[in-house]
Amino acid sequence: MKSLFIAACSLFLFCTASFSQQKADSTVKPEESTFYDAPASTFYSQGMIIKTRSGHYYEITGKVKQRGTLTNPSIQIFKDGKKYSMVIQGIEKPVQVFKIKEYYESNIDGAFKGWSGTNSFNLINNQTWAQDDNKNMFANLYRPAVVICRVSDGTYIMKVEGVDDTIMVVRKK
């Protein structure tokens, strides 16, 4: 009788553990599993914009300052209500991110010399954007690709291909 009771308890615990594991596994499926085209020495920090290979843009909003060590790491995006987190291969903890829904991809129309406080940027898609902060950065590029994203605080930032920094911009009419 005692061995029958122990067997029944063992079966109950096994079934409960299996059900709990299935329930836990079904609630932690990523919304997106993809890669990020990045060099091995990428420095991940708050405000960084990441474009996944699947074509989605994310802004890192969580506090993180860590250098990645992997080229083209895998990325998983998890959604909990309206909040998103990103697991980057080679980074210890998940990072809080904002999924960018409004963005414009284009190229600078002509030479790009950087920014110095009052620059306007004409794009080949006929949009014009103006610098909206007091940063200085010098470059010498011709028709570089740009992406302009509306980030978590509602402002627009511009990322120029080949330039590590970003700049806050406003659209000119």
Protein backbone atom coordinates (compact mmCIF):
# COMPACT_ATOMS: atom_id res chain seq x y z
CA MET A 1 0.00 0.00 0.00
CA LYS A 2 2.83 2.37 0.89
CA SER A 3 4.59 1.68 -2.45
CA LEU A 4 1.30 2.30 -4.33
CA PHE A 5 0.95 5.65 -2.53
CA ILE A 6 4.56 6.61 -3.40
CA ALA A 7 4.01 5.60 -7.05
CA ALA A 8 0.82 7.68 -7.22
CA CYS A 9 2.59 10.70 -5.70
CA SER A 10 5.49 10.30 -8.11
CA LEU A 11 3.12 10.11 -11.08
CA PHE A 12 1.26 13.23 -9.86
CA LEU A 13 4.51 15.18 -9.44
CA PHE A 14 5.76 14.06 -12.87
CA CYS A 15 2.49 15.09 -14.57
CA THR A 16 2.40 18.42 -12.72
CA ALA A 17 6.03 19.16 -13.66
CA SER A 18 5.42 18.19 -17.30
CA PHE A 19 2.30 20.40 -17.52
CA SER A 20 4.12 23.33 -15.89
CA GLN A 21 7.05 22.94 -18.29
CA GLN A 22 4.72 22.86 -21.33
CA LYS A 23 2.88 25.94 -20.05
CA ALA A 24 6.15 27.80 -19.42
CA ASP A 25 7.51 26.83 -22.85
CA SER A 26 4.36 28.06 -24.61
CA THR A 27 4.49 31.49 -22.93
CA VAL A 28 8.09 32.31 -23.79
CA LYS A 29 8.08 31.91 -27.56
CA PRO A 30 9.81 34.81 -29.28
CA GLU A 31 7.82 37.14 -31.51
CA GLU A 32 10.79 37.26 -33.86
CA SER A 33 13.96 35.20 -34.25
CA THR A 34 16.51 36.66 -36.64
CA PHE A 35 20.03 38.08 -36.88
CA TYR A 36 21.69 41.49 -36.64
CA ASP A 37 24.38 42.30 -39.20
CA ALA A 38 27.04 43.65 -36.89
CA PRO A 39 30.80 43.47 -36.49
CA ALA A 40 32.17 41.55 -33.52
CA SER A 41 33.14 44.70 -31.66
CA THR A 42 29.68 46.30 -31.62
CA PHE A 43 29.06 48.39 -28.49
CA TYR A 44 25.44 48.05 -27.35
CA SER A 45 24.10 51.04 -25.43
CA GLN A 46 20.92 52.96 -24.71
CA GLY A 47 19.66 54.84 -27.79
CA MET A 48 21.28 52.48 -30.31
CA ILE A 49 19.16 51.63 -33.37
CA ILE A 50 19.24 48.02 -34.56
CA LYS A 51 17.86 46.81 -37.88
CA THR A 52 17.24 43.08 -37.87
CA ARG A 53 17.73 40.96 -40.98
CA SER A 54 13.95 40.59 -41.10
CA GLY A 55 13.77 44.35 -41.72
CA HIS A 56 12.45 45.62 -38.37
CA TYR A 57 14.00 48.52 -36.47
CA TYR A 58 14.41 48.61 -32.69
CA GLU A 59 15.76 51.28 -30.35
CA ILE A 60 17.58 50.07 -27.24
CA THR A 61 15.77 51.82 -24.36
CA GLY A 62 17.09 49.74 -21.46
CA LYS A 63 20.28 50.54 -19.62
CA VAL A 64 23.06 48.51 -21.16
CA LYS A 65 26.70 49.24 -21.90
CA GLN A 66 28.29 46.12 -23.24
CA ARG A 67 30.51 45.24 -26.16
CA GLY A 68 29.39 42.32 -28.29
CA THR A 69 31.96 39.73 -29.25
CA LEU A 70 30.11 37.94 -32.06
CA THR A 71 29.80 38.86 -35.71
CA ASN A 72 26.16 38.85 -36.89
CA PRO A 73 24.64 37.62 -33.59
CA SER A 74 21.28 35.92 -33.47
CA ILE A 75 18.51 38.00 -31.95
CA GLN A 76 15.19 37.05 -30.38
CA ILE A 77 12.45 39.59 -29.71
CA PHE A 78 9.95 38.95 -26.91
CA LYS A 79 6.76 40.93 -26.36
CA ASP A 80 5.01 41.31 -23.01
CA GLY A 81 1.95 43.50 -23.46
CA LYS A 82 3.27 46.68 -25.08
CA LYS A 83 6.85 46.14 -23.91
CA TYR A 84 9.56 44.46 -25.93
CA SER A 85 12.83 42.86 -24.91
CA MET A 86 15.66 41.63 -27.08
CA VAL A 87 17.99 38.73 -26.40
CA ILE A 88 21.25 39.27 -28.27
CA GLN A 89 23.58 36.32 -28.64
CA GLY A 90 26.70 37.01 -26.59
CA ILE A 91 25.07 39.64 -24.33
CA GLU A 92 24.36 38.47 -20.78
CA LYS A 93 20.88 39.85 -20.08
CA PRO A 94 17.84 40.68 -22.22
CA VAL A 95 17.71 44.33 -23.28
CA GLN A 96 14.57 46.49 -23.21
CA VAL A 97 13.76 47.82 -26.69
CA PHE A 98 11.19 49.97 -28.48
CA LYS A 99 9.86 48.64 -31.80
CA ILE A 100 10.11 51.47 -34.32
CA LYS A 101 7.07 51.65 -36.55
CA GLU A 102 7.75 54.91 -38.41
CA TYR A 103 10.96 55.14 -40.41
CA TYR A 104 12.24 56.39 -43.76
CA GLU A 105 15.05 54.75 -45.71
CA SER A 106 16.76 56.74 -48.46
CA ASN A 107 20.12 58.23 -49.47
CA ILE A 108 21.61 61.69 -49.14
CA ASP A 109 21.28 63.42 -52.51
CA GLY A 110 24.92 64.20 -53.30
CA ALA A 111 27.88 64.79 -51.01
CA PHE A 112 27.57 64.36 -47.24
CA LYS A 113 30.09 66.38 -45.22
CA GLY A 114 28.67 65.70 -41.73
CA TRP A 115 26.72 68.04 -39.46
CA SER A 116 27.59 71.23 -37.64
CA GLY A 117 24.46 72.62 -35.98
CA THR A 118 22.37 74.03 -38.84
CA ASN A 119 22.58 71.48 -41.64
CA SER A 120 19.75 70.46 -43.94
CA PHE A 121 19.79 67.08 -45.63
CA ASN A 122 18.16 66.56 -49.02
CA LEU A 123 17.30 62.93 -49.67
CA ILE A 124 16.79 61.22 -53.02
CA ASN A 125 13.18 60.45 -52.01
CA ASN A 126 12.55 64.27 -52.17
CA GLN A 127 12.35 64.68 -48.38
CA THR A 128 14.36 67.37 -46.62
CA TRP A 129 15.36 67.05 -42.98
CA ALA A 130 17.12 69.61 -40.78
CA GLN A 131 19.51 69.04 -37.90
CA ASP A 132 17.72 69.60 -34.58
CA ASP A 133 20.53 69.45 -32.02
CA ASN A 134 23.89 71.06 -31.52
CA LYS A 135 26.27 68.26 -32.49
CA ASN A 136 29.28 68.45 -34.76
CA MET A 137 30.60 65.57 -36.84
CA PHE A 138 32.65 65.65 -40.02
CA ALA A 139 32.57 63.08 -42.82
CA ASN A 140 33.26 62.87 -46.52
CA LEU A 141 30.76 60.48 -48.12
CA TYR A 142 28.88 60.48 -51.39
CA ARG A 143 25.19 59.50 -51.42
CA PRO A 144 25.33 57.45 -48.21
CA ALA A 145 22.28 55.45 -47.18
CA VAL A 146 20.30 56.95 -44.31
CA VAL A 147 17.48 55.84 -42.08
CA ILE A 148 15.35 58.31 -40.17
CA CYS A 149 13.38 56.79 -37.30
CA ARG A 150 10.74 58.09 -34.92
CA VAL A 151 12.10 56.85 -31.60
CA SER A 152 10.50 56.17 -28.21
CA ASP A 153 10.38 59.82 -27.09
CA GLY A 154 8.61 60.90 -30.31
CA THR A 155 11.60 62.65 -31.88
CA TYR A 156 13.26 61.68 -35.16
CA ILE A 157 16.86 60.60 -35.40
CA MET A 158 18.95 60.06 -38.50
CA LYS A 159 21.54 57.32 -38.87
CA VAL A 160 23.97 57.68 -41.77
CA GLU A 161 25.67 54.56 -43.12
CA GLY A 162 29.37 54.70 -42.31
CA VAL A 163 28.90 57.06 -39.34
CA ASP A 164 28.78 55.72 -35.76
CA ASP A 165 26.80 58.63 -34.28
CA THR A 166 23.18 59.65 -34.85
CA ILE A 167 21.65 63.11 -35.09
CA MET A 168 18.22 64.43 -34.08
CA VAL A 169 16.36 65.86 -37.09
CA VAL A 170 13.05 67.52 -38.00
CA ARG A 171 11.30 67.33 -41.33
CA LYS A 172 11.20 70.50 -43.41
CA LYS A 173 8.07 71.23 -45.39
